[in-house]
């Protein structure tokens, strides 16, 4: 079973978390960052993250997830 994870932020620390979580088998399904964040879109493309949100509260309330980083 793979746990679904949301990531808040798209900076270097978020990328470190994404790398580590994927390495041990977590599925990163969502990432949230600032409105129109190019960085969030780039990180999502590089790491195969399906959903990019511009509002972390909205992501937390509406997305299906098992953990938030």
C-alpha atoms as a PDB file:
ATOM      1  CA  UNK A   1       0.000   0.000   0.000  1.00  0.00           C
ATOM      2  CA  UNK A   2       1.293   3.435  -0.947  1.00  0.00           C
ATOM      3  CA  UNK A   3       0.396   6.446   1.150  1.00  0.00           C
ATOM      4  CA  UNK A   4      -0.704   9.639  -0.596  1.00  0.00           C
ATOM      5  CA  UNK A   5       1.251  12.720   0.461  1.00  0.00           C
ATOM      6  CA  UNK A   6       0.670  16.460  -0.007  1.00  0.00           C
ATOM      7  CA  UNK A   7       3.641  18.825  -0.020  1.00  0.00           C
ATOM      8  CA  UNK A   8       3.330  22.471   0.976  1.00  0.00           C
ATOM      9  CA  UNK A   9       5.979  24.604  -0.690  1.00  0.00           C
ATOM     10  CA  UNK A  10       8.253  24.088  -3.678  1.00  0.00           C
ATOM     11  CA  UNK A  11      11.634  25.281  -2.463  1.00  0.00           C
ATOM     12  CA  UNK A  12      14.828  23.284  -1.943  1.00  0.00           C
ATOM     13  CA  UNK A  13      13.639  21.751   1.349  1.00  0.00           C
ATOM     14  CA  UNK A  14      10.403  20.574  -0.279  1.00  0.00           C
ATOM     15  CA  UNK A  15      12.437  18.901  -3.029  1.00  0.00           C
ATOM     16  CA  UNK A  16      14.562  17.158  -0.392  1.00  0.00           C
ATOM     17  CA  UNK A  17      11.414  15.855   1.280  1.00  0.00           C
ATOM     18  CA  UNK A  18       9.942  14.730  -2.051  1.00  0.00           C
ATOM     19  CA  UNK A  19      13.138  12.888  -2.976  1.00  0.00           C
ATOM     20  CA  UNK A  20      13.275  11.088   0.382  1.00  0.00           C
ATOM     21  CA  UNK A  21       9.576  10.216   0.441  1.00  0.00           C
ATOM     22  CA  UNK A  22       9.609   8.804  -3.091  1.00  0.00           C
ATOM     23  CA  UNK A  23      12.736   6.798  -2.309  1.00  0.00           C
ATOM     24  CA  UNK A  24      10.900   4.918   0.447  1.00  0.00           C
ATOM     25  CA  UNK A  25       7.721   4.424  -1.592  1.00  0.00           C
ATOM     26  CA  UNK A  26       5.361   7.271  -0.787  1.00  0.00           C
ATOM     27  CA  UNK A  27       3.156   8.633  -3.571  1.00  0.00           C
ATOM     28  CA  UNK A  28       3.365  12.428  -3.791  1.00  0.00           C
ATOM     29  CA  UNK A  29      -0.007  13.379  -5.267  1.00  0.00           C
ATOM     30  CA  UNK A  30      -0.310  17.092  -4.516  1.00  0.00           C
ATOM     31  CA  UNK A  31       1.906  20.144  -4.157  1.00  0.00           C
ATOM     32  CA  UNK A  32       0.825  23.627  -3.072  1.00  0.00           C
ATOM     33  CA  UNK A  33       2.732  26.882  -3.401  1.00  0.00           C
ATOM     34  CA  UNK A  34       2.056  30.545  -4.121  1.00  0.00           C
ATOM     35  CA  UNK A  35      -0.451  31.615  -6.750  1.00  0.00           C
ATOM     36  CA  UNK A  36       1.028  31.155 -10.241  1.00  0.00           C
ATOM     37  CA  UNK A  37       4.175  29.589  -8.837  1.00  0.00           C
ATOM     38  CA  UNK A  38       6.374  28.488 -11.725  1.00  0.00           C
ATOM     39  CA  UNK A  39       8.567  26.598  -9.272  1.00  0.00           C
ATOM     40  CA  UNK A  40       5.647  24.417  -8.087  1.00  0.00           C
ATOM     41  CA  UNK A  41       4.822  23.536 -11.689  1.00  0.00           C
ATOM     42  CA  UNK A  42       8.457  22.691 -12.424  1.00  0.00           C
ATOM     43  CA  UNK A  43       8.763  20.514  -9.314  1.00  0.00           C
ATOM     44  CA  UNK A  44       5.489  18.775 -10.157  1.00  0.00           C
ATOM     45  CA  UNK A  45       6.681  17.988 -13.683  1.00  0.00           C
ATOM     46  CA  UNK A  46      10.095  16.754 -12.555  1.00  0.00           C
ATOM     47  CA  UNK A  47       8.727  14.504  -9.800  1.00  0.00           C
ATOM     48  CA  UNK A  48       5.484  13.355 -11.500  1.00  0.00           C
ATOM     49  CA  UNK A  49       3.185  15.100  -9.033  1.00  0.00           C
ATOM     50  CA  UNK A  50      -0.336  15.046 -10.434  1.00  0.00           C
ATOM     51  CA  UNK A  51      -1.899  18.123  -8.828  1.00  0.00           C
ATOM     52  CA  UNK A  52      -0.582  21.666  -8.336  1.00  0.00           C
ATOM     53  CA  UNK A  53      -2.522  23.924  -5.978  1.00  0.00           C
ATOM     54  CA  UNK A  54      -2.149  27.673  -5.443  1.00  0.00           C
ATOM     55  CA  UNK A  55      -3.824  27.543  -2.026  1.00  0.00           C
ATOM     56  CA  UNK A  56      -2.514  25.144   0.592  1.00  0.00           C
ATOM     57  CA  UNK A  57      -5.639  25.434   2.761  1.00  0.00           C
ATOM     58  CA  UNK A  58      -7.807  24.531  -0.220  1.00  0.00           C
ATOM     59  CA  UNK A  59      -5.545  21.543  -0.952  1.00  0.00           C
ATOM     60  CA  UNK A  60      -5.796  20.346   2.644  1.00  0.00           C
ATOM     61  CA  UNK A  61      -9.577  20.703   2.686  1.00  0.00           C
ATOM     62  CA  UNK A  62     -10.339  19.252  -0.764  1.00  0.00           C
ATOM     63  CA  UNK A  63      -7.626  16.760  -1.727  1.00  0.00           C
ATOM     64  CA  UNK A  64      -7.479  13.151  -0.590  1.00  0.00           C
ATOM     65  CA  UNK A  65      -4.279  12.522   1.374  1.00  0.00           C
ATOM     66  CA  UNK A  66      -2.733  10.446   4.132  1.00  0.00           C
ATOM     67  CA  UNK A  67       0.041  12.864   5.170  1.00  0.00           C
ATOM     68  CA  UNK A  68       1.137  16.456   4.680  1.00  0.00           C
ATOM     69  CA  UNK A  69       4.762  17.624   4.530  1.00  0.00           C
END
